Amino acid sequence: MSPPFLVALEPTLGTLARLFASEGAAQEVAILTYSTPEIIESHYDNWNGGTTYYNLVLHAPLNLYPQIEAHKGKIEAAILKKFEVIANKTPNDLLGGVIISPAVVEDPQWREKAAAWLSGSKVSNQGRVRSDNVAPLSVDGLIFRSQPEIHLYRAFKSIGVSFAPLPVFIRGGAEYKRIEPDFVVIQAGRVMVVEVDGDTVHQETPADAHDRTTMLLHEGVHFERIKASECDTSEKAKKSAERLLAVFKKLQQTK
């Protein structure tokens, strides 16, 4: 009988992702969700009548790998530990290791893109370095943490509002703070921060959210929080964007 991870790898990875999501482990969920998996035989041992050991190789997208590289060993160990609980049920076929590696992608234009990066034309201040809340998705050269954010990005773009997706704000001084709001929208001299809540990459209590956003709240920035379910399709995202602009108009009337 073949082990489950050989004949049903996708359901096994899906179960792992759900288990990590229940713990709020965004890095592990992102790696399992967006990497291309591969099972390879690593070695054979005569122990117990003959045991074959395998490695799970997770080929991570190039925009995701740098965000988790510093914690790669810890993530690999965490995935293997949970994998052993649900999948290592056949004593003669065992998963012995998890390896996260950057995916090798064929790109005929890589030299031109590298030259553009060296010239500074592709430099971005988007929030790509917070390893505890990775941004694994990419659209139009910009990075996002969830599909609902991408839908909302496209909705904002379609209605012609000025906005910044996943920017970085820093306050220096004695109490250093850093915040990476999902969106900052600017219109008629007013600034609004929009946070998309309710998926596996946005797991914080209202108190934590308030503490994190205080630096902008005290500067008079208006905050709006919407559920991921309110923009999980293009149609819903457009309605949400229009509703947020209506809020802007009300703010302008009270200015």
C-alpha atoms as a PDB file:
ATOM      1  CA  MET A   1       0.000   0.000   0.000  1.00  0.00           C
ATOM      2  CA  SER A   2       1.443   3.344  -1.054  1.00  0.00           C
ATOM      3  CA  PRO A   3       1.645   6.132   1.535  1.00  0.00           C
ATOM      4  CA  PRO A   4      -0.996   8.896   1.305  1.00  0.00           C
ATOM      5  CA  PHE A   5       1.558  11.547   0.433  1.00  0.00           C
ATOM      6  CA  LEU A   6       2.426   9.645  -2.761  1.00  0.00           C
ATOM      7  CA  VAL A   7      -1.095   8.975  -4.027  1.00  0.00           C
ATOM      8  CA  ALA A   8      -2.978  11.965  -2.562  1.00  0.00           C
ATOM      9  CA  LEU A   9      -0.467  14.752  -2.101  1.00  0.00           C
ATOM     10  CA  GLU A  10      -2.856  17.654  -2.741  1.00  0.00           C
ATOM     11  CA  PRO A  11      -5.429  16.623  -0.093  1.00  0.00           C
ATOM     12  CA  THR A  12      -2.575  16.084   2.350  1.00  0.00           C
ATOM     13  CA  LEU A  13      -1.145  19.554   1.701  1.00  0.00           C
ATOM     14  CA  GLY A  14      -4.625  21.056   1.933  1.00  0.00           C
ATOM     15  CA  THR A  15      -5.121  19.510   5.355  1.00  0.00           C
ATOM     16  CA  LEU A  16      -1.760  20.847   6.481  1.00  0.00           C
ATOM     17  CA  ALA A  17      -2.651  24.345   5.268  1.00  0.00           C
ATOM     18  CA  ARG A  18      -5.936  24.297   7.174  1.00  0.00           C
ATOM     19  CA  LEU A  19      -4.192  23.139  10.342  1.00  0.00           C
ATOM     20  CA  PHE A  20      -1.628  25.924  10.099  1.00  0.00           C
ATOM     21  CA  ALA A  21      -4.352  28.460   9.281  1.00  0.00           C
ATOM     22  CA  SER A  22      -6.151  27.515  12.497  1.00  0.00           C
ATOM     23  CA  GLU A  23      -2.960  28.508  14.331  1.00  0.00           C
ATOM     24  CA  GLY A  24      -2.573  31.783  12.437  1.00  0.00           C
ATOM     25  CA  ALA A  25       0.698  30.553  10.885  1.00  0.00           C
ATOM     26  CA  ALA A  26       0.686  32.730   7.757  1.00  0.00           C
ATOM     27  CA  GLN A  27       4.162  31.760   6.569  1.00  0.00           C
ATOM     28  CA  GLU A  28       3.426  28.041   6.526  1.00  0.00           C
ATOM     29  CA  VAL A  29       0.034  28.570   4.884  1.00  0.00           C
ATOM     30  CA  ALA A  30       1.582  30.740   2.166  1.00  0.00           C
ATOM     31  CA  ILE A  31       4.341  28.225   1.421  1.00  0.00           C
ATOM     32  CA  LEU A  32       1.930  25.289   1.233  1.00  0.00           C
ATOM     33  CA  THR A  33      -0.582  27.221  -0.864  1.00  0.00           C
ATOM     34  CA  TYR A  34       1.609  28.906  -3.440  1.00  0.00           C
ATOM     35  CA  SER A  35       4.571  26.541  -3.818  1.00  0.00           C
ATOM     36  CA  THR A  36       4.756  23.758  -6.385  1.00  0.00           C
ATOM     37  CA  PRO A  37       5.195  20.461  -4.490  1.00  0.00           C
ATOM     38  CA  GLU A  38       7.405  17.569  -5.507  1.00  0.00           C
ATOM     39  CA  ILE A  39       8.067  14.251  -3.758  1.00  0.00           C
ATOM     40  CA  ILE A  40      11.532  12.811  -4.374  1.00  0.00           C
ATOM     41  CA  GLU A  41      13.125   9.644  -3.025  1.00  0.00           C
ATOM     42  CA  SER A  42      16.053  10.534  -0.778  1.00  0.00           C
ATOM     43  CA  HIS A  43      17.465   7.187   0.373  1.00  0.00           C
ATOM     44  CA  TYR A  44      16.738   3.555   1.214  1.00  0.00           C
ATOM     45  CA  ASP A  45      17.414   1.758   4.493  1.00  0.00           C
ATOM     46  CA  ASN A  46      17.300  -1.989   5.237  1.00  0.00           C
ATOM     47  CA  TRP A  47      15.719  -1.270   8.612  1.00  0.00           C
ATOM     48  CA  ASN A  48      12.333  -2.862   9.342  1.00  0.00           C
ATOM     49  CA  GLY A  49      12.354  -5.016   6.238  1.00  0.00           C
ATOM     50  CA  GLY A  50      13.340  -2.133   4.007  1.00  0.00           C
ATOM     51  CA  THR A  51      12.329   1.511   4.352  1.00  0.00           C
ATOM     52  CA  THR A  52      12.260   4.141   1.629  1.00  0.00           C
ATOM     53  CA  TYR A  53      12.607   7.755   2.705  1.00  0.00           C
ATOM     54  CA  TYR A  54      11.272  10.689   0.729  1.00  0.00           C
ATOM     55  CA  ASN A  55      11.628  14.457   0.771  1.00  0.00           C
ATOM     56  CA  LEU A  56       8.863  16.932   0.116  1.00  0.00           C
ATOM     57  CA  VAL A  57      10.312  19.737  -1.985  1.00  0.00           C
ATOM     58  CA  LEU A  58       8.265  22.936  -2.070  1.00  0.00           C
ATOM     59  CA  HIS A  59       9.306  25.152  -4.973  1.00  0.00           C
ATOM     60  CA  ALA A  60       8.354  28.610  -3.710  1.00  0.00           C
ATOM     61  CA  PRO A  61       7.536  31.547  -6.020  1.00  0.00           C
ATOM     62  CA  LEU A  62      10.380  34.027  -6.338  1.00  0.00           C
ATOM     63  CA  ASN A  63       8.380  36.857  -4.772  1.00  0.00           C
ATOM     64  CA  LEU A  64       7.592  34.673  -1.741  1.00  0.00           C
ATOM     65  CA  TYR A  65      10.896  32.913  -1.057  1.00  0.00           C
ATOM     66  CA  PRO A  66      12.876  36.012   0.065  1.00  0.00           C
ATOM     67  CA  GLN A  67      10.145  36.828   2.569  1.00  0.00           C
ATOM     68  CA  ILE A  68      10.517  33.507   4.397  1.00  0.00           C
ATOM     69  CA  GLU A  69      14.187  32.719   3.762  1.00  0.00           C
ATOM     70  CA  ALA A  70      15.366  33.864   7.194  1.00  0.00           C
ATOM     71  CA  HIS A  71      12.946  31.406   8.829  1.00  0.00           C
ATOM     72  CA  LYS A  72      13.195  28.634   6.242  1.00  0.00           C
ATOM     73  CA  GLY A  73      14.594  25.982   8.586  1.00  0.00           C
ATOM     74  CA  LYS A  74      11.929  26.648  11.196  1.00  0.00           C
ATOM     75  CA  ILE A  75       9.140  26.462   8.607  1.00  0.00           C
ATOM     76  CA  GLU A  76      10.514  23.243   7.116  1.00  0.00           C
ATOM     77  CA  ALA A  77      10.652  21.648  10.563  1.00  0.00           C
ATOM     78  CA  ALA A  78       7.122  22.784  11.416  1.00  0.00           C
ATOM     79  CA  ILE A  79       5.682  21.364   8.188  1.00  0.00           C
ATOM     80  CA  LEU A  80       7.513  18.058   8.652  1.00  0.00           C
ATOM     81  CA  LYS A  81       6.341  17.721  12.256  1.00  0.00           C
ATOM     82  CA  LYS A  82       2.706  18.225  11.330  1.00  0.00           C
ATOM     83  CA  PHE A  83       3.107  16.057   8.231  1.00  0.00           C
ATOM     84  CA  GLU A  84       4.307  13.160  10.379  1.00  0.00           C
ATOM     85  CA  VAL A  85       1.141  13.357  12.459  1.00  0.00           C
ATOM     86  CA  ILE A  86      -1.275  13.023   9.543  1.00  0.00           C
ATOM     87  CA  ALA A  87       0.611  11.261   6.748  1.00  0.00           C
ATOM     88  CA  ASN A  88       3.463   9.001   7.898  1.00  0.00           C
ATOM     89  CA  LYS A  89       1.251   5.944   8.422  1.00  0.00           C
ATOM     90  CA  THR A  90       3.121   3.368   6.330  1.00  0.00           C
ATOM     91  CA  PRO A  91       6.260   2.145   8.151  1.00  0.00           C
ATOM     92  CA  ASN A  92       8.168   1.240   4.984  1.00  0.00           C
ATOM     93  CA  ASP A  93       7.608   4.543   3.155  1.00  0.00           C
ATOM     94  CA  LEU A  94       8.356   7.629   5.225  1.00  0.00           C
ATOM     95  CA  LEU A  95       8.687  11.323   4.617  1.00  0.00           C
ATOM     96  CA  GLY A  96      12.061  12.203   6.070  1.00  0.00           C
ATOM     97  CA  GLY A  97      12.408  15.862   5.203  1.00  0.00           C
ATOM     98  CA  VAL A  98      10.853  19.041   3.863  1.00  0.00           C
ATOM     99  CA  ILE A  99      12.892  21.321   1.619  1.00  0.00           C
ATOM    100  CA  ILE A 100      11.799  24.815   0.595  1.00  0.00           C
ATOM    101  CA  SER A 101      13.629  26.130  -2.445  1.00  0.00           C
ATOM    102  CA  PRO A 102      13.102  29.011  -4.870  1.00  0.00           C
ATOM    103  CA  ALA A 103      11.274  27.909  -7.986  1.00  0.00           C
ATOM    104  CA  VAL A 104      13.333  27.924 -11.159  1.00  0.00           C
ATOM    105  CA  VAL A 105      11.296  29.832 -13.730  1.00  0.00           C
ATOM    106  CA  GLU A 106      12.215  30.233 -17.374  1.00  0.00           C
ATOM    107  CA  ASP A 107      12.191  33.903 -18.328  1.00  0.00           C
ATOM    108  CA  PRO A 108      13.811  34.927 -21.631  1.00  0.00           C
ATOM    109  CA  GLN A 109      13.756  38.565 -20.488  1.00  0.00           C
ATOM    110  CA  TRP A 110      15.528  38.043 -17.177  1.00  0.00           C
ATOM    111  CA  ARG A 111      18.597  40.034 -18.269  1.00  0.00           C
ATOM    112  CA  GLU A 112      16.507  43.071 -19.216  1.00  0.00           C
ATOM    113  CA  LYS A 113      14.593  42.858 -15.937  1.00  0.00           C
ATOM    114  CA  ALA A 114      17.800  42.516 -13.930  1.00  0.00           C
ATOM    115  CA  ALA A 115      19.254  45.551 -15.703  1.00  0.00           C
ATOM    116  CA  ALA A 116      16.094  47.524 -14.920  1.00  0.00           C
ATOM    117  CA  TRP A 117      16.393  46.555 -11.260  1.00  0.00           C
ATOM    118  CA  LEU A 118      20.039  47.642 -11.174  1.00  0.00           C
ATOM    119  CA  SER A 119      19.059  51.015 -12.609  1.00  0.00           C
ATOM    120  CA  GLY A 120      16.504  51.497  -9.841  1.00  0.00           C
ATOM    121  CA  SER A 121      13.489  51.598 -12.123  1.00  0.00           C
ATOM    122  CA  LYS A 122      11.798  48.707 -10.307  1.00  0.00           C
ATOM    123  CA  VAL A 123      12.474  49.809  -6.731  1.00  0.00           C
ATOM    124  CA  SER A 124       9.368  49.600  -4.546  1.00  0.00           C
ATOM    125  CA  ASN A 125       8.573  50.565  -0.975  1.00  0.00           C
ATOM    126  CA  GLN A 126       5.806  48.016  -0.732  1.00  0.00           C
ATOM    127  CA  GLY A 127       5.628  45.989   2.484  1.00  0.00           C
ATOM    128  CA  ARG A 128       7.579  42.951   1.358  1.00  0.00           C
ATOM    129  CA  VAL A 129       9.873  42.398   4.331  1.00  0.00           C
ATOM    130  CA  ARG A 130       7.503  41.579   7.193  1.00  0.00           C
ATOM    131  CA  SER A 131       8.165  37.864   7.397  1.00  0.00           C
ATOM    132  CA  ASP A 132       5.316  37.311   9.868  1.00  0.00           C
ATOM    133  CA  ASN A 133       2.740  38.447   7.305  1.00  0.00           C
ATOM    134  CA  VAL A 134       4.001  37.516   3.874  1.00  0.00           C
ATOM    135  CA  ALA A 135       2.699  38.926   0.591  1.00  0.00           C
ATOM    136  CA  PRO A 136       2.886  35.981  -1.819  1.00  0.00           C
ATOM    137  CA  LEU A 137       0.755  37.251  -4.717  1.00  0.00           C
ATOM    138  CA  SER A 138       1.825  39.565  -7.517  1.00  0.00           C
ATOM    139  CA  VAL A 139      -0.172  41.607 -10.045  1.00  0.00           C
ATOM    140  CA  ASP A 140       1.086  44.429 -12.272  1.00  0.00           C
ATOM    141  CA  GLY A 141       4.477  44.223 -10.570  1.00  0.00           C
ATOM    142  CA  LEU A 142       2.879  44.846  -7.150  1.00  0.00           C
ATOM    143  CA  ILE A 143       2.548  42.399  -4.274  1.00  0.00           C
ATOM    144  CA  PHE A 144      -0.530  41.471  -2.258  1.00  0.00           C
ATOM    145  CA  ARG A 145      -1.392  39.206   0.643  1.00  0.00           C
ATOM    146  CA  SER A 146      -4.701  37.803  -0.581  1.00  0.00           C
ATOM    147  CA  GLN A 147      -6.940  37.460  -3.614  1.00  0.00           C
ATOM    148  CA  PRO A 148      -9.621  39.783  -2.150  1.00  0.00           C
ATOM    149  CA  GLU A 149      -6.944  42.498  -1.958  1.00  0.00           C
ATOM    150  CA  ILE A 150      -6.218  41.977  -5.651  1.00  0.00           C
ATOM    151  CA  HIS A 151      -9.911  42.316  -6.482  1.00  0.00           C
ATOM    152  CA  LEU A 152     -10.098  45.548  -4.489  1.00  0.00           C
ATOM    153  CA  TYR A 153      -6.914  46.829  -6.136  1.00  0.00           C
ATOM    154  CA  ARG A 154      -8.433  46.312  -9.566  1.00  0.00           C
ATOM    155  CA  ALA A 155     -11.674  47.945  -8.441  1.00  0.00           C
ATOM    156  CA  PHE A 156      -9.866  51.057  -7.168  1.00  0.00           C
ATOM    157  CA  LYS A 157      -7.855  51.138 -10.374  1.00  0.00           C
ATOM    158  CA  SER A 158     -10.968  50.931 -12.554  1.00  0.00           C
ATOM    159  CA  ILE A 159     -12.727  53.870 -10.879  1.00  0.00           C
ATOM    160  CA  GLY A 160      -9.744  56.201 -11.166  1.00  0.00           C
ATOM    161  CA  VAL A 161      -8.957  56.953  -7.533  1.00  0.00           C
ATOM    162  CA  SER A 162      -5.413  57.713  -6.306  1.00  0.00           C
ATOM    163  CA  PHE A 163      -4.232  54.971  -3.974  1.00  0.00           C
ATOM    164  CA  ALA A 164      -1.230  52.974  -2.776  1.00  0.00           C
ATOM    165  CA  PRO A 165      -1.450  49.192  -2.212  1.00  0.00           C
ATOM    166  CA  LEU A 166       0.510  47.786   0.732  1.00  0.00           C
ATOM    167  CA  PRO A 167       2.716  50.840   1.379  1.00  0.00           C
ATOM    168  CA  VAL A 168       5.128  51.116   4.293  1.00  0.00           C
ATOM    169  CA  PHE A 169       4.829  53.830   6.955  1.00  0.00           C
ATOM    170  CA  ILE A 170       7.511  54.267   9.600  1.00  0.00           C
ATOM    171  CA  ARG A 171       7.637  56.408  12.714  1.00  0.00           C
ATOM    172  CA  GLY A 172      11.096  56.835  14.176  1.00  0.00           C
ATOM    173  CA  GLY A 173      12.173  58.155  17.527  1.00  0.00           C
ATOM    174  CA  ALA A 174      12.184  56.458  20.895  1.00  0.00           C
ATOM    175  CA  GLU A 175       9.188  54.258  20.052  1.00  0.00           C
ATOM    176  CA  TYR A 176       9.836  52.939  16.566  1.00  0.00           C
ATOM    177  CA  LYS A 177       6.759  51.741  14.720  1.00  0.00           C
ATOM    178  CA  ARG A 178       6.149  50.302  11.295  1.00  0.00           C
ATOM    179  CA  ILE A 179       2.792  49.745   9.623  1.00  0.00           C
ATOM    180  CA  GLU A 180       1.896  48.195   6.276  1.00  0.00           C
ATOM    181  CA  PRO A 181      -1.775  48.981   5.614  1.00  0.00           C
ATOM    182  CA  ASP A 182      -3.480  47.109   2.811  1.00  0.00           C
ATOM    183  CA  PHE A 183      -4.427  50.319   0.989  1.00  0.00           C
ATOM    184  CA  VAL A 184      -4.014  54.057   1.413  1.00  0.00           C
ATOM    185  CA  VAL A 185      -6.493  56.103  -0.615  1.00  0.00           C
ATOM    186  CA  ILE A 186      -6.134  59.850  -1.183  1.00  0.00           C
ATOM    187  CA  GLN A 187      -8.831  62.163  -2.476  1.00  0.00           C
ATOM    188  CA  ALA A 188      -9.458  65.899  -2.145  1.00  0.00           C
ATOM    189  CA  GLY A 189      -6.930  66.327   0.638  1.00  0.00           C
ATOM    190  CA  ARG A 190      -8.234  63.471   2.772  1.00  0.00           C
ATOM    191  CA  VAL A 191      -6.414  60.222   3.511  1.00  0.00           C
ATOM    192  CA  MET A 192      -8.108  56.908   4.153  1.00  0.00           C
ATOM    193  CA  VAL A 193      -6.543  53.601   5.160  1.00  0.00           C
ATOM    194  CA  VAL A 194      -8.446  50.493   4.075  1.00  0.00           C
ATOM    195  CA  GLU A 195      -7.769  47.153   5.759  1.00  0.00           C
ATOM    196  CA  VAL A 196      -9.180  43.893   4.395  1.00  0.00           C
ATOM    197  CA  ASP A 197     -10.009  41.515   7.252  1.00  0.00           C
ATOM    198  CA  GLY A 198     -11.180  37.975   7.649  1.00  0.00           C
ATOM    199  CA  ASP A 199      -8.859  35.607   5.780  1.00  0.00           C
ATOM    200  CA  THR A 200      -5.918  33.493   6.900  1.00  0.00           C
ATOM    201  CA  VAL A 201      -3.404  36.322   6.562  1.00  0.00           C
ATOM    202  CA  HIS A 202      -5.340  38.835   8.666  1.00  0.00           C
ATOM    203  CA  GLN A 203      -5.586  37.281  12.095  1.00  0.00           C
ATOM    204  CA  GLU A 204      -5.496  39.995  14.759  1.00  0.00           C
ATOM    205  CA  THR A 205      -7.817  41.124  17.499  1.00  0.00           C
ATOM    206  CA  PRO A 206      -9.475  44.578  17.401  1.00  0.00           C
ATOM    207  CA  ALA A 207      -7.174  45.629  20.259  1.00  0.00           C
ATOM    208  CA  ASP A 208      -4.087  44.539  18.317  1.00  0.00           C
ATOM    209  CA  ALA A 209      -5.349  46.311  15.207  1.00  0.00           C
ATOM    210  CA  HIS A 210      -5.928  49.531  17.161  1.00  0.00           C
ATOM    211  CA  ASP A 211      -2.457  49.392  18.695  1.00  0.00           C
ATOM    212  CA  ARG A 212      -0.864  48.774  15.303  1.00  0.00           C
ATOM    213  CA  THR A 213      -2.669  51.641  13.582  1.00  0.00           C
ATOM    214  CA  THR A 214      -2.401  54.256  16.348  1.00  0.00           C
ATOM    215  CA  MET A 215       0.490  56.070  14.667  1.00  0.00           C
ATOM    216  CA  LEU A 216      -1.729  56.965  11.701  1.00  0.00           C
ATOM    217  CA  LEU A 217      -4.949  57.425  13.648  1.00  0.00           C
ATOM    218  CA  HIS A 218      -3.286  60.123  15.735  1.00  0.00           C
ATOM    219  CA  GLU A 219      -2.324  61.938  12.529  1.00  0.00           C
ATOM    220  CA  GLY A 220      -5.978  62.245  11.562  1.00  0.00           C
ATOM    221  CA  VAL A 221      -6.064  59.451   9.008  1.00  0.00           C
ATOM    222  CA  HIS A 222      -9.494  57.881   8.541  1.00  0.00           C
ATOM    223  CA  PHE A 223      -9.656  54.085   8.808  1.00  0.00           C
ATOM    224  CA  GLU A 224     -12.110  51.735   7.151  1.00  0.00           C
ATOM    225  CA  ARG A 225     -12.084  47.963   7.641  1.00  0.00           C
ATOM    226  CA  ILE A 226     -13.907  45.642   5.256  1.00  0.00           C
ATOM    227  CA  LYS A 227     -14.334  41.888   5.284  1.00  0.00           C
ATOM    228  CA  ALA A 228     -12.530  39.699   2.766  1.00  0.00           C
ATOM    229  CA  SER A 229     -15.938  38.266   1.892  1.00  0.00           C
ATOM    230  CA  GLU A 230     -16.973  41.749   0.718  1.00  0.00           C
ATOM    231  CA  CYS A 231     -14.376  41.708  -2.047  1.00  0.00           C
ATOM    232  CA  ASP A 232     -13.792  38.042  -2.829  1.00  0.00           C
ATOM    233  CA  THR A 233     -15.131  38.586  -6.356  1.00  0.00           C
ATOM    234  CA  SER A 234     -14.613  41.385  -8.856  1.00  0.00           C
ATOM    235  CA  GLU A 235     -18.250  42.432  -8.592  1.00  0.00           C
ATOM    236  CA  LYS A 236     -18.221  42.613  -4.791  1.00  0.00           C
ATOM    237  CA  ALA A 237     -14.913  44.471  -4.813  1.00  0.00           C
ATOM    238  CA  LYS A 238     -16.274  47.138  -7.148  1.00  0.00           C
ATOM    239  CA  LYS A 239     -19.286  47.682  -4.897  1.00  0.00           C
ATOM    240  CA  SER A 240     -16.979  47.928  -1.874  1.00  0.00           C
ATOM    241  CA  ALA A 241     -14.750  50.448  -3.649  1.00  0.00           C
ATOM    242  CA  GLU A 242     -17.762  52.566  -4.581  1.00  0.00           C
ATOM    243  CA  ARG A 243     -19.015  52.433  -0.993  1.00  0.00           C
ATOM    244  CA  LEU A 244     -15.609  53.542   0.294  1.00  0.00           C
ATOM    245  CA  LEU A 245     -15.609  56.488  -2.107  1.00  0.00           C
ATOM    246  CA  ALA A 246     -19.051  57.432  -0.813  1.00  0.00           C
ATOM    247  CA  VAL A 247     -17.522  57.536   2.672  1.00  0.00           C
ATOM    248  CA  PHE A 248     -14.873  59.880   1.284  1.00  0.00           C
ATOM    249  CA  LYS A 249     -17.537  62.247   0.006  1.00  0.00           C
ATOM    250  CA  LYS A 250     -19.139  62.378   3.440  1.00  0.00           C
ATOM    251  CA  LEU A 251     -15.751  63.126   5.001  1.00  0.00           C
ATOM    252  CA  GLN A 252     -15.217  65.980   2.553  1.00  0.00           C
ATOM    253  CA  GLN A 253     -18.570  67.489   3.500  1.00  0.00           C
ATOM    254  CA  THR A 254     -17.545  67.598   7.158  1.00  0.00           C
ATOM    255  CA  LYS A 255     -14.072  69.017   6.481  1.00  0.00           C
END
